[in-house]
Every structure is written in C-alpha cells, then in structure tokens.
C-alpha cells in the first residue's frame, strides 16, 4: 500500500520547492458544471461551497460558502464525466442540469504538478491522486497555505487512465478563464 499520511506542518511543506507546471494561455480545458441544484454555477464560475466530497477541495470545514473557491477540469471531456460520476458509475445529465463546456485559459496558470516526484518528496505518494479524498483535501488545504503562488493542482485522473486533470484555485483571481469554446447546453 503506498504511503499517504496527513500532510506535514505548513512551515515544513513551504520549505520544499514546488514542482510547477504552467498551463499556457490558450490551453483548452473541459469541465462539467451544475446549472441547477443546491449549488448551481455558470460555466466560468468557481464553486464557493465546500468542502464537498471532491478530492482537492481546499475550503475549510464545516461546509459553507467561502472565499476559497475551486473549479475542476480536464484536457478531455471523458475525464470530466469519469471524475464527476465515479460514485454512481451512471451519467445523470438531467440531475442538476449538468452541462459540459470547453473553455480556454486567458493567461498562463501555475499549478503544482502532482504527477511526478513532488508527492513523494513531500511525504505522500502517488496515492494523493487515488487514495482517500478526505486526506487529499487536507493536502490541498496545506498546499494552498504553503504555496501562495500556486493557482491549483495538476493531477492524474484515477478514473480515466491517469489522464491529466486540474483543480483550479480562485487565486489570484478567477479571471483567467477566457471565452467558452463549446457547450452541450
């Protein structure tokens, strides 16, 4: 079983150099968002309610609307569907009016790369991408505190053959989403 402990103290984590992956301006990403339901959002809106059961929510408990916001995406739509509907293994698009959209990044975005050696060097393992979500959320909270220049996480989808996925933080501003490229709804 791969090692996946709780994260180290923020001060210790901050001493470790982050592995930064920059997604350049113009990068196309896909996402699913709920246009209805308990926490609806527009295509370019980050989710402020949290933490939920999602892997890298960096909001602080208890769940509530917060300044910390997150947006999950991927380089292809299949990863979005696999990640979003992994618990039920059934795509239920009518529930909460789930909508698929592609968009482009308006500017370069700096992400902590969780696909290489950084997780192991930090004291975790690649289990950060596949292990318990409760623990992954603790890591995301610690990463957010330790690396103020990091705008999110670049990780391997455990549901779609390790395809790239991203968890974008709200900082420094969610204004890095550009025009919507396409939408199914």
N, C-alpha and C. Protein backbone atom coordinates (compact mmCIF):
# COMPACT_ATOMS: atom_id res chain seq x y z
N UNK A 1 0.84 -1.17 0.00
CA UNK A 1 0.00 0.00 0.00
C UNK A 1 0.89 1.24 0.00
N UNK A 2 0.69 2.17 -0.95
CA UNK A 2 1.51 3.38 -0.98
C UNK A 2 1.27 4.24 0.26
N UNK A 3 2.32 4.92 0.66
CA UNK A 3 2.27 5.80 1.81
C UNK A 3 1.44 7.04 1.47
N UNK A 4 0.48 7.35 2.33
CA UNK A 4 -0.35 8.54 2.12
C UNK A 4 -0.78 9.08 3.48
N UNK A 5 0.17 9.65 4.24
CA UNK A 5 -0.16 10.20 5.54
C UNK A 5 -0.80 11.58 5.42
N UNK A 6 -1.15 12.14 6.56
CA UNK A 6 -1.58 13.53 6.57
C UNK A 6 -0.41 14.40 6.14
N UNK A 7 -0.68 15.61 5.65
CA UNK A 7 0.41 16.48 5.22
C UNK A 7 1.25 16.95 6.40
N UNK A 8 2.51 17.32 6.13
CA UNK A 8 3.35 17.88 7.18
C UNK A 8 2.86 19.27 7.57
N UNK A 9 3.43 19.82 8.60
CA UNK A 9 3.10 21.19 9.01
C UNK A 9 3.36 22.13 7.83
N UNK A 10 2.55 23.17 7.73
CA UNK A 10 2.64 24.10 6.62
C UNK A 10 4.04 24.68 6.48
N UNK A 11 4.68 25.04 7.59
CA UNK A 11 6.03 25.61 7.53
C UNK A 11 7.03 24.62 6.92
N UNK A 12 6.91 23.35 7.25
CA UNK A 12 7.79 22.33 6.67
C UNK A 12 7.51 22.13 5.19
N UNK A 13 6.24 22.13 4.83
CA UNK A 13 5.87 21.96 3.42
C UNK A 13 6.37 23.13 2.59
N UNK A 14 6.29 24.33 3.14
CA UNK A 14 6.72 25.54 2.42
C UNK A 14 8.22 25.53 2.12
N UNK A 15 9.00 24.79 2.89
CA UNK A 15 10.45 24.69 2.65
C UNK A 15 10.78 23.85 1.43
N UNK A 16 9.84 23.01 1.01
CA UNK A 16 10.03 22.12 -0.13
C UNK A 16 9.69 22.87 -1.42
N UNK A 17 10.60 22.88 -2.38
CA UNK A 17 10.34 23.55 -3.65
C UNK A 17 9.21 22.85 -4.38
N UNK A 18 8.24 23.63 -4.85
CA UNK A 18 7.14 23.02 -5.60
C UNK A 18 7.56 22.66 -7.02
N UNK A 19 7.01 21.61 -7.57
CA UNK A 19 7.16 21.29 -8.99
C UNK A 19 6.02 22.01 -9.70
N UNK A 20 6.34 23.04 -10.43
CA UNK A 20 5.33 23.87 -11.06
C UNK A 20 5.15 23.47 -12.52
N UNK A 21 3.91 23.28 -12.90
CA UNK A 21 3.56 23.05 -14.30
C UNK A 21 2.73 24.25 -14.74
N UNK A 22 3.17 24.92 -15.77
CA UNK A 22 2.46 26.09 -16.27
C UNK A 22 1.60 25.68 -17.46
N UNK A 23 0.30 25.93 -17.34
CA UNK A 23 -0.58 25.74 -18.49
C UNK A 23 -0.60 27.09 -19.21
N UNK A 24 -0.17 27.12 -20.47
CA UNK A 24 -0.06 28.40 -21.17
C UNK A 24 -1.42 28.98 -21.56
N UNK A 25 -1.43 30.29 -21.71
CA UNK A 25 -2.62 30.97 -22.21
C UNK A 25 -3.07 30.27 -23.49
N UNK A 26 -4.37 30.12 -23.64
CA UNK A 26 -4.92 29.45 -24.82
C UNK A 26 -5.16 27.97 -24.62
N UNK A 27 -4.67 27.40 -23.50
CA UNK A 27 -4.92 25.98 -23.22
C UNK A 27 -6.43 25.76 -23.12
N UNK A 28 -6.91 24.73 -23.82
CA UNK A 28 -8.33 24.38 -23.75
C UNK A 28 -8.54 23.35 -22.65
N UNK A 29 -9.50 23.62 -21.79
CA UNK A 29 -9.91 22.69 -20.74
C UNK A 29 -11.40 22.43 -20.85
N UNK A 30 -11.80 21.27 -20.36
CA UNK A 30 -13.21 20.89 -20.30
C UNK A 30 -13.63 20.85 -18.84
N UNK A 31 -14.91 21.11 -18.61
CA UNK A 31 -15.45 20.95 -17.27
C UNK A 31 -16.93 20.64 -17.34
N UNK A 32 -17.42 20.02 -16.29
CA UNK A 32 -18.85 19.84 -16.08
C UNK A 32 -19.25 20.79 -14.95
N UNK A 33 -20.35 21.46 -15.12
CA UNK A 33 -20.86 22.30 -14.03
C UNK A 33 -22.36 22.09 -13.92
N UNK A 34 -22.88 22.33 -12.74
CA UNK A 34 -24.31 22.19 -12.48
C UNK A 34 -24.98 23.53 -12.69
N UNK A 35 -25.92 23.59 -13.65
CA UNK A 35 -26.65 24.81 -13.91
C UNK A 35 -27.88 24.93 -13.00
N UNK A 36 -28.15 23.90 -12.21
CA UNK A 36 -29.28 23.90 -11.27
C UNK A 36 -28.86 23.11 -10.04
N UNK A 37 -29.78 22.92 -9.12
CA UNK A 37 -29.49 22.13 -7.93
C UNK A 37 -29.09 22.99 -6.75
N UNK A 38 -28.50 22.37 -5.75
CA UNK A 38 -28.17 23.05 -4.50
C UNK A 38 -27.10 24.12 -4.67
N UNK A 39 -26.15 23.91 -5.58
CA UNK A 39 -25.04 24.85 -5.75
C UNK A 39 -24.78 25.09 -7.24
N UNK A 40 -25.73 25.75 -7.92
CA UNK A 40 -25.55 25.96 -9.36
C UNK A 40 -24.43 26.96 -9.65
N UNK A 41 -23.87 26.84 -10.86
CA UNK A 41 -22.84 27.79 -11.28
C UNK A 41 -22.92 28.00 -12.78
N UNK A 42 -22.33 29.11 -13.21
CA UNK A 42 -22.19 29.37 -14.63
C UNK A 42 -20.92 28.66 -15.11
N UNK A 43 -20.73 28.61 -16.42
CA UNK A 43 -19.59 27.88 -17.00
C UNK A 43 -18.25 28.39 -16.48
N UNK A 44 -18.16 29.67 -16.16
CA UNK A 44 -16.88 30.26 -15.75
C UNK A 44 -16.84 30.61 -14.27
N UNK A 45 -17.70 29.99 -13.51
CA UNK A 45 -17.80 30.30 -12.08
C UNK A 45 -17.19 29.18 -11.24
N UNK A 46 -16.40 29.57 -10.27
CA UNK A 46 -15.79 28.62 -9.35
C UNK A 46 -16.80 28.27 -8.26
N UNK A 47 -16.70 27.07 -7.70
CA UNK A 47 -17.61 26.65 -6.63
C UNK A 47 -17.09 27.18 -5.29
N UNK A 48 -17.91 27.99 -4.63
CA UNK A 48 -17.53 28.57 -3.34
C UNK A 48 -18.00 27.69 -2.17
N UNK A 49 -18.97 26.83 -2.41
CA UNK A 49 -19.49 25.98 -1.34
C UNK A 49 -18.55 24.80 -1.14
N UNK A 50 -18.17 24.58 0.10
CA UNK A 50 -17.30 23.44 0.35
C UNK A 50 -16.77 23.46 1.77
N UNK A 51 -16.03 22.43 2.13
CA UNK A 51 -15.64 21.36 1.22
C UNK A 51 -16.78 20.37 0.98
N UNK A 52 -16.76 19.79 -0.21
CA UNK A 52 -17.69 18.72 -0.56
C UNK A 52 -16.91 17.41 -0.48
N UNK A 53 -17.37 16.39 -1.14
CA UNK A 53 -16.65 15.12 -1.17
C UNK A 53 -15.61 15.05 -2.27
N UNK A 54 -15.41 16.13 -3.00
CA UNK A 54 -14.45 16.13 -4.10
C UNK A 54 -13.01 16.06 -3.58
N UNK A 55 -12.13 15.52 -4.37
CA UNK A 55 -10.77 15.19 -3.95
C UNK A 55 -9.95 16.36 -3.44
N UNK A 56 -9.93 17.48 -4.14
CA UNK A 56 -8.98 18.53 -3.78
C UNK A 56 -9.64 19.83 -3.31
N UNK A 57 -10.86 19.76 -2.80
CA UNK A 57 -11.47 20.96 -2.24
C UNK A 57 -10.56 21.51 -1.14
N UNK A 58 -10.22 22.78 -1.23
CA UNK A 58 -9.31 23.40 -0.26
C UNK A 58 -10.05 24.30 0.73
N UNK A 59 -11.38 24.26 0.68
CA UNK A 59 -12.16 25.03 1.65
C UNK A 59 -12.00 24.42 3.04
N UNK A 60 -12.20 25.24 4.05
CA UNK A 60 -12.07 24.79 5.43
C UNK A 60 -13.40 24.30 5.96
N UNK A 61 -13.41 23.22 6.75
CA UNK A 61 -14.66 22.75 7.34
C UNK A 61 -15.16 23.76 8.36
N UNK A 62 -16.45 23.77 8.63
CA UNK A 62 -17.52 22.95 8.06
C UNK A 62 -17.93 23.47 6.68
N UNK A 63 -18.62 22.64 5.90
CA UNK A 63 -19.06 23.07 4.58
C UNK A 63 -19.95 24.30 4.65
N UNK A 64 -19.61 25.28 3.81
CA UNK A 64 -20.35 26.54 3.74
C UNK A 64 -19.81 27.32 2.55
N UNK A 65 -20.47 28.41 2.19
CA UNK A 65 -19.93 29.30 1.16
C UNK A 65 -18.71 30.02 1.73
N UNK A 66 -17.64 30.04 0.95
CA UNK A 66 -16.37 30.60 1.42
C UNK A 66 -15.70 31.42 0.32
N UNK A 67 -14.70 32.20 0.74
CA UNK A 67 -13.89 32.93 -0.23
C UNK A 67 -13.03 31.96 -1.03
N UNK A 68 -12.65 30.84 -0.42
CA UNK A 68 -11.89 29.81 -1.14
C UNK A 68 -12.84 29.13 -2.12
N UNK A 69 -12.44 29.12 -3.39
CA UNK A 69 -13.29 28.55 -4.43
C UNK A 69 -12.45 27.61 -5.30
N UNK A 70 -13.14 26.69 -5.97
CA UNK A 70 -12.44 25.68 -6.78
C UNK A 70 -13.21 25.39 -8.06
N UNK A 71 -12.48 25.00 -9.08
CA UNK A 71 -13.06 24.59 -10.35
C UNK A 71 -12.25 23.40 -10.85
N UNK A 72 -12.93 22.30 -11.11
CA UNK A 72 -12.27 21.09 -11.63
C UNK A 72 -12.41 21.04 -13.14
N UNK A 73 -11.37 20.58 -13.81
CA UNK A 73 -11.41 20.46 -15.25
C UNK A 73 -10.44 19.38 -15.73
N UNK A 74 -10.39 19.20 -17.05
CA UNK A 74 -9.51 18.19 -17.63
C UNK A 74 -9.24 18.54 -19.08
N UNK A 75 -8.27 17.83 -19.66
CA UNK A 75 -7.92 18.10 -21.05
C UNK A 75 -8.84 17.41 -22.04
N UNK A 76 -9.77 16.59 -21.54
CA UNK A 76 -10.74 15.95 -22.44
C UNK A 76 -12.05 15.71 -21.70
N UNK A 77 -13.16 15.67 -22.42
CA UNK A 77 -14.46 15.54 -21.77
C UNK A 77 -14.68 14.20 -21.07
N UNK A 78 -14.10 13.12 -21.59
CA UNK A 78 -14.31 11.81 -20.96
C UNK A 78 -13.81 11.82 -19.52
N UNK A 79 -12.68 12.47 -19.28
CA UNK A 79 -12.16 12.55 -17.91
C UNK A 79 -13.14 13.29 -17.01
N UNK A 80 -13.75 14.34 -17.51
CA UNK A 80 -14.74 15.08 -16.71
C UNK A 80 -15.90 14.18 -16.31
N UNK A 81 -16.45 13.43 -17.27
CA UNK A 81 -17.55 12.53 -16.96
C UNK A 81 -17.13 11.44 -15.98
N UNK A 82 -15.95 10.86 -16.20
CA UNK A 82 -15.47 9.78 -15.33
C UNK A 82 -15.28 10.28 -13.90
N UNK A 83 -14.71 11.46 -13.75
CA UNK A 83 -14.47 12.02 -12.41
C UNK A 83 -15.79 12.41 -11.74
N UNK A 84 -16.66 13.07 -12.48
CA UNK A 84 -17.91 13.58 -11.90
C UNK A 84 -18.87 12.47 -11.47
N UNK A 85 -18.96 11.43 -12.25
CA UNK A 85 -19.95 10.39 -12.00
C UNK A 85 -19.32 9.09 -11.47
N UNK A 86 -18.14 9.18 -10.86
CA UNK A 86 -17.44 7.98 -10.40
C UNK A 86 -18.17 7.26 -9.28
N UNK A 87 -18.90 7.95 -8.45
CA UNK A 87 -19.58 7.28 -7.33
C UNK A 87 -20.73 6.40 -7.78
N UNK A 88 -21.49 6.88 -8.76
CA UNK A 88 -22.66 6.12 -9.21
C UNK A 88 -22.39 5.30 -10.46
N UNK A 89 -21.33 5.65 -11.18
CA UNK A 89 -20.97 4.99 -12.44
C UNK A 89 -22.10 5.11 -13.47
N UNK A 90 -22.97 6.09 -13.28
CA UNK A 90 -24.06 6.36 -14.20
C UNK A 90 -24.06 7.85 -14.50
N UNK A 91 -24.04 8.21 -15.78
CA UNK A 91 -24.06 9.62 -16.16
C UNK A 91 -25.51 10.09 -16.11
N UNK A 92 -25.77 10.99 -15.18
CA UNK A 92 -27.13 11.51 -14.96
C UNK A 92 -27.14 12.99 -15.30
N UNK A 93 -27.20 13.30 -16.57
CA UNK A 93 -27.10 14.69 -17.01
C UNK A 93 -28.30 15.53 -16.62
N UNK A 94 -29.44 14.92 -16.42
CA UNK A 94 -30.62 15.71 -16.08
C UNK A 94 -30.61 16.15 -14.62
N UNK A 95 -29.89 15.41 -13.77
CA UNK A 95 -29.77 15.82 -12.37
C UNK A 95 -28.95 17.10 -12.30
N UNK A 96 -29.49 18.13 -11.74
CA UNK A 96 -28.83 19.42 -11.55
C UNK A 96 -28.39 20.07 -12.87
N UNK A 97 -29.01 19.64 -13.98
CA UNK A 97 -28.68 20.19 -15.30
C UNK A 97 -27.17 20.25 -15.52
N UNK A 98 -26.52 19.11 -15.38
CA UNK A 98 -25.08 19.01 -15.60
C UNK A 98 -24.78 19.38 -17.05
N UNK A 99 -23.85 20.32 -17.21
CA UNK A 99 -23.53 20.85 -18.53
C UNK A 99 -22.03 20.73 -18.79
N UNK A 100 -21.69 20.24 -19.96
CA UNK A 100 -20.30 20.13 -20.38
C UNK A 100 -19.92 21.38 -21.16
N UNK A 101 -18.75 21.93 -20.84
CA UNK A 101 -18.27 23.12 -21.54
C UNK A 101 -16.76 23.04 -21.71
N UNK A 102 -16.29 23.56 -22.82
CA UNK A 102 -14.85 23.74 -23.04
C UNK A 102 -14.57 25.23 -23.00
N UNK A 103 -13.42 25.58 -22.44
CA UNK A 103 -13.02 26.99 -22.39
C UNK A 103 -11.51 27.07 -22.56
N UNK A 104 -11.03 28.27 -22.81
CA UNK A 104 -9.59 28.49 -22.93
C UNK A 104 -9.11 29.36 -21.78
N UNK A 105 -7.86 29.14 -21.40
CA UNK A 105 -7.25 29.98 -20.38
C UNK A 105 -6.84 31.31 -21.00
N UNK A 106 -7.14 32.37 -20.30
CA UNK A 106 -6.84 33.71 -20.77
C UNK A 106 -5.36 34.05 -20.60
N UNK A 107 -4.73 33.42 -19.62
CA UNK A 107 -3.33 33.70 -19.33
C UNK A 107 -2.68 32.42 -18.83
N UNK A 108 -1.36 32.45 -18.67
CA UNK A 108 -0.65 31.31 -18.11
C UNK A 108 -1.14 31.06 -16.69
N UNK A 109 -1.25 29.79 -16.30
CA UNK A 109 -1.70 29.40 -14.97
C UNK A 109 -0.69 28.43 -14.37
N UNK A 110 -0.19 28.75 -13.17
CA UNK A 110 0.84 27.94 -12.50
C UNK A 110 0.19 26.94 -11.55
N UNK A 111 0.43 25.67 -11.80
CA UNK A 111 -0.17 24.59 -11.00
C UNK A 111 0.93 23.76 -10.33
N UNK A 112 0.64 23.23 -9.15
CA UNK A 112 1.54 22.28 -8.52
C UNK A 112 1.34 20.95 -9.23
N UNK A 113 2.43 20.39 -9.75
CA UNK A 113 2.37 19.15 -10.51
C UNK A 113 2.42 17.96 -9.56
N UNK A 114 1.32 17.24 -9.47
CA UNK A 114 1.23 16.05 -8.62
C UNK A 114 1.45 14.77 -9.41
N UNK A 115 1.93 14.88 -10.65
CA UNK A 115 2.12 13.69 -11.49
C UNK A 115 3.54 13.17 -11.47
N UNK A 116 4.45 13.87 -10.83
CA UNK A 116 5.85 13.47 -10.80
C UNK A 116 6.32 13.08 -9.41
N UNK A 117 7.49 13.56 -9.05
CA UNK A 117 8.10 13.15 -7.78
C UNK A 117 7.72 14.02 -6.59
N UNK A 118 7.06 15.17 -6.82
CA UNK A 118 6.75 16.06 -5.71
C UNK A 118 5.97 15.36 -4.59
N UNK A 119 4.92 14.60 -4.87
CA UNK A 119 4.19 13.97 -3.77
C UNK A 119 5.09 13.11 -2.87
N UNK A 120 5.99 12.35 -3.47
CA UNK A 120 6.89 11.50 -2.68
C UNK A 120 7.86 12.36 -1.88
N UNK A 121 8.42 13.38 -2.51
CA UNK A 121 9.34 14.27 -1.80
C UNK A 121 8.65 14.99 -0.65
N UNK A 122 7.34 15.24 -0.78
CA UNK A 122 6.59 15.93 0.26
C UNK A 122 6.16 15.00 1.40
N UNK A 123 6.34 13.70 1.22
CA UNK A 123 5.98 12.75 2.26
C UNK A 123 4.73 11.97 1.98
N UNK A 124 4.15 12.16 0.82
CA UNK A 124 2.95 11.40 0.43
C UNK A 124 3.39 10.34 -0.58
N UNK A 125 2.66 10.20 -1.65
CA UNK A 125 2.97 9.28 -2.75
C UNK A 125 1.98 9.60 -3.85
N UNK A 126 2.00 8.80 -4.90
CA UNK A 126 1.01 8.99 -5.96
C UNK A 126 -0.41 8.68 -5.47
N UNK A 127 -0.51 8.14 -4.26
CA UNK A 127 -1.83 7.90 -3.67
C UNK A 127 -2.59 9.20 -3.44
N UNK A 128 -1.92 10.34 -3.52
CA UNK A 128 -2.62 11.61 -3.42
C UNK A 128 -3.67 11.72 -4.53
N UNK A 129 -3.42 11.04 -5.66
CA UNK A 129 -4.35 11.04 -6.80
C UNK A 129 -5.43 9.96 -6.69
N UNK A 130 -5.21 8.98 -5.84
CA UNK A 130 -6.10 7.82 -5.82
C UNK A 130 -6.61 7.44 -4.44
N UNK A 131 -5.94 7.88 -3.40
CA UNK A 131 -6.28 7.48 -2.04
C UNK A 131 -7.51 8.19 -1.52
N UNK A 132 -7.68 8.12 -0.22
CA UNK A 132 -8.86 8.71 0.40
C UNK A 132 -8.97 10.20 0.08
N UNK A 133 -10.16 10.62 -0.28
CA UNK A 133 -10.39 12.02 -0.63
C UNK A 133 -10.28 12.92 0.60
N UNK A 134 -10.66 12.41 1.76
CA UNK A 134 -10.54 13.20 3.00
C UNK A 134 -9.09 13.63 3.18
N UNK A 135 -8.17 12.72 3.01
CA UNK A 135 -6.75 13.04 3.17
C UNK A 135 -6.27 13.94 2.04
N UNK A 136 -6.71 13.72 0.82
CA UNK A 136 -6.31 14.58 -0.30
C UNK A 136 -6.77 16.02 -0.07
N UNK A 137 -7.95 16.20 0.51
CA UNK A 137 -8.42 17.55 0.82
C UNK A 137 -7.52 18.21 1.86
N UNK A 138 -7.04 17.45 2.84
CA UNK A 138 -6.10 18.01 3.82
C UNK A 138 -4.82 18.47 3.13
N UNK A 139 -4.34 17.68 2.18
CA UNK A 139 -3.16 18.07 1.42
C UNK A 139 -3.42 19.34 0.62
N UNK A 140 -4.59 19.44 0.01
CA UNK A 140 -4.91 20.63 -0.78
C UNK A 140 -4.94 21.87 0.11
N UNK A 141 -5.51 21.76 1.30
CA UNK A 141 -5.53 22.88 2.25
C UNK A 141 -4.10 23.28 2.60
N UNK A 142 -3.24 22.30 2.88
CA UNK A 142 -1.84 22.57 3.24
C UNK A 142 -1.08 23.18 2.06
N UNK A 143 -1.30 22.68 0.86
CA UNK A 143 -0.64 23.20 -0.34
C UNK A 143 -1.05 24.65 -0.56
N UNK A 144 -2.33 24.92 -0.43
CA UNK A 144 -2.85 26.28 -0.61
C UNK A 144 -2.17 27.25 0.36
N UNK A 145 -1.96 26.84 1.60
CA UNK A 145 -1.33 27.68 2.61
C UNK A 145 0.18 27.82 2.37
N UNK A 146 0.82 26.74 1.96
CA UNK A 146 2.28 26.73 1.84
C UNK A 146 2.79 27.42 0.58
N UNK A 147 1.99 27.43 -0.48
CA UNK A 147 2.45 27.95 -1.76
C UNK A 147 1.49 29.01 -2.30
N UNK A 148 1.58 30.23 -1.83
CA UNK A 148 0.63 31.27 -2.26
C UNK A 148 0.70 31.60 -3.75
N UNK A 149 1.79 31.21 -4.42
CA UNK A 149 1.91 31.49 -5.86
C UNK A 149 1.26 30.40 -6.71
N UNK A 150 0.90 29.28 -6.11
CA UNK A 150 0.28 28.17 -6.83
C UNK A 150 -1.20 28.45 -7.03
N UNK A 151 -1.68 28.28 -8.28
CA UNK A 151 -3.06 28.60 -8.61
C UNK A 151 -3.95 27.36 -8.73
N UNK A 152 -3.41 26.21 -8.38
CA UNK A 152 -4.19 24.98 -8.43
C UNK A 152 -3.29 23.77 -8.53
N UNK A 153 -3.90 22.65 -8.87
CA UNK A 153 -3.20 21.36 -8.90
C UNK A 153 -3.36 20.71 -10.26
N UNK A 154 -2.28 20.10 -10.73
CA UNK A 154 -2.28 19.29 -11.95
C UNK A 154 -2.10 17.86 -11.48
N UNK A 155 -3.06 16.99 -11.75
CA UNK A 155 -3.02 15.64 -11.20
C UNK A 155 -3.47 14.60 -12.21
N UNK A 156 -3.28 13.34 -11.85
CA UNK A 156 -3.69 12.21 -12.69
C UNK A 156 -5.10 11.78 -12.31
N UNK A 157 -5.95 11.65 -13.30
CA UNK A 157 -7.29 11.15 -13.04
C UNK A 157 -7.23 9.66 -12.71
N UNK A 158 -7.70 9.32 -11.53
CA UNK A 158 -7.73 7.91 -11.14
C UNK A 158 -8.86 7.17 -11.85
N UNK A 159 -9.75 7.91 -12.50
CA UNK A 159 -10.91 7.30 -13.14
C UNK A 159 -10.76 7.17 -14.66
N UNK A 160 -9.74 7.79 -15.23
CA UNK A 160 -9.57 7.73 -16.69
C UNK A 160 -8.10 7.56 -17.05
N UNK A 161 -7.54 6.43 -16.67
CA UNK A 161 -6.21 6.00 -17.11
C UNK A 161 -5.12 7.05 -16.87
N UNK A 162 -5.19 7.73 -15.73
CA UNK A 162 -4.19 8.74 -15.36
C UNK A 162 -4.13 9.93 -16.31
N UNK A 163 -5.22 10.19 -17.04
CA UNK A 163 -5.26 11.36 -17.92
C UNK A 163 -5.15 12.62 -17.08
N UNK A 164 -4.61 13.71 -17.64
CA UNK A 164 -4.47 14.95 -16.88
C UNK A 164 -5.79 15.56 -16.45
N UNK A 165 -5.80 16.04 -15.22
CA UNK A 165 -6.94 16.76 -14.67
C UNK A 165 -6.39 17.93 -13.86
N UNK A 166 -7.23 18.93 -13.65
CA UNK A 166 -6.80 20.10 -12.89
C UNK A 166 -7.85 20.46 -11.85
N UNK A 167 -7.36 20.99 -10.75
CA UNK A 167 -8.20 21.62 -9.73
C UNK A 167 -7.68 23.04 -9.62
N UNK A 168 -8.47 24.01 -10.10
CA UNK A 168 -8.04 25.40 -10.12
C UNK A 168 -8.53 26.11 -8.87
N UNK A 169 -7.62 26.79 -8.18
CA UNK A 169 -7.98 27.62 -7.04
C UNK A 169 -8.43 28.99 -7.54
N UNK A 170 -9.10 29.71 -6.68
CA UNK A 170 -9.63 31.03 -7.04
C UNK A 170 -8.56 32.10 -7.13
N UNK A 171 -7.36 31.83 -6.73
CA UNK A 171 -6.37 32.90 -6.70
C UNK A 171 -5.44 32.91 -7.89
N UNK A 172 -4.84 34.03 -8.17
CA UNK A 172 -5.09 35.30 -7.51
C UNK A 172 -6.44 35.88 -7.90
N UNK A 173 -6.98 35.38 -8.96
CA UNK A 173 -8.30 35.80 -9.40
C UNK A 173 -8.82 34.78 -10.39
N UNK A 174 -10.11 34.47 -10.32
CA UNK A 174 -10.64 33.50 -11.29
C UNK A 174 -10.76 34.10 -12.69
N UNK A 175 -10.22 35.26 -12.90
CA UNK A 175 -10.34 35.94 -14.18
C UNK A 175 -9.41 35.34 -15.24
N UNK A 176 -8.95 34.12 -15.04
CA UNK A 176 -8.10 33.53 -16.06
C UNK A 176 -8.85 32.61 -17.00
N UNK A 177 -10.16 32.54 -16.88
CA UNK A 177 -10.95 31.77 -17.83
C UNK A 177 -11.36 32.69 -18.96
N UNK A 178 -11.12 32.26 -20.17
CA UNK A 178 -11.41 33.09 -21.32
C UNK A 178 -12.76 32.66 -21.90
N UNK A 179 -12.92 32.84 -23.15
CA UNK A 179 -14.18 32.56 -23.82
C UNK A 179 -14.54 31.08 -23.77
N UNK A 180 -15.83 30.85 -23.73
CA UNK A 180 -16.32 29.48 -23.83
C UNK A 180 -16.12 29.03 -25.28
N UNK A 181 -15.53 27.87 -25.44
CA UNK A 181 -15.25 27.34 -26.76
C UNK A 181 -16.45 26.59 -27.29
N UNK A 182 -17.05 25.75 -26.44
CA UNK A 182 -18.22 24.99 -26.86
C UNK A 182 -18.98 24.54 -25.63
N UNK A 183 -20.21 24.17 -25.86
CA UNK A 183 -21.05 23.72 -24.76
C UNK A 183 -22.11 22.78 -25.29
N UNK A 184 -22.54 21.89 -24.43
CA UNK A 184 -23.62 20.98 -24.84
C UNK A 184 -24.96 21.47 -24.35
N UNK A 185 -25.01 22.58 -23.65
CA UNK A 185 -26.29 23.03 -23.11
C UNK A 185 -26.28 24.44 -22.93
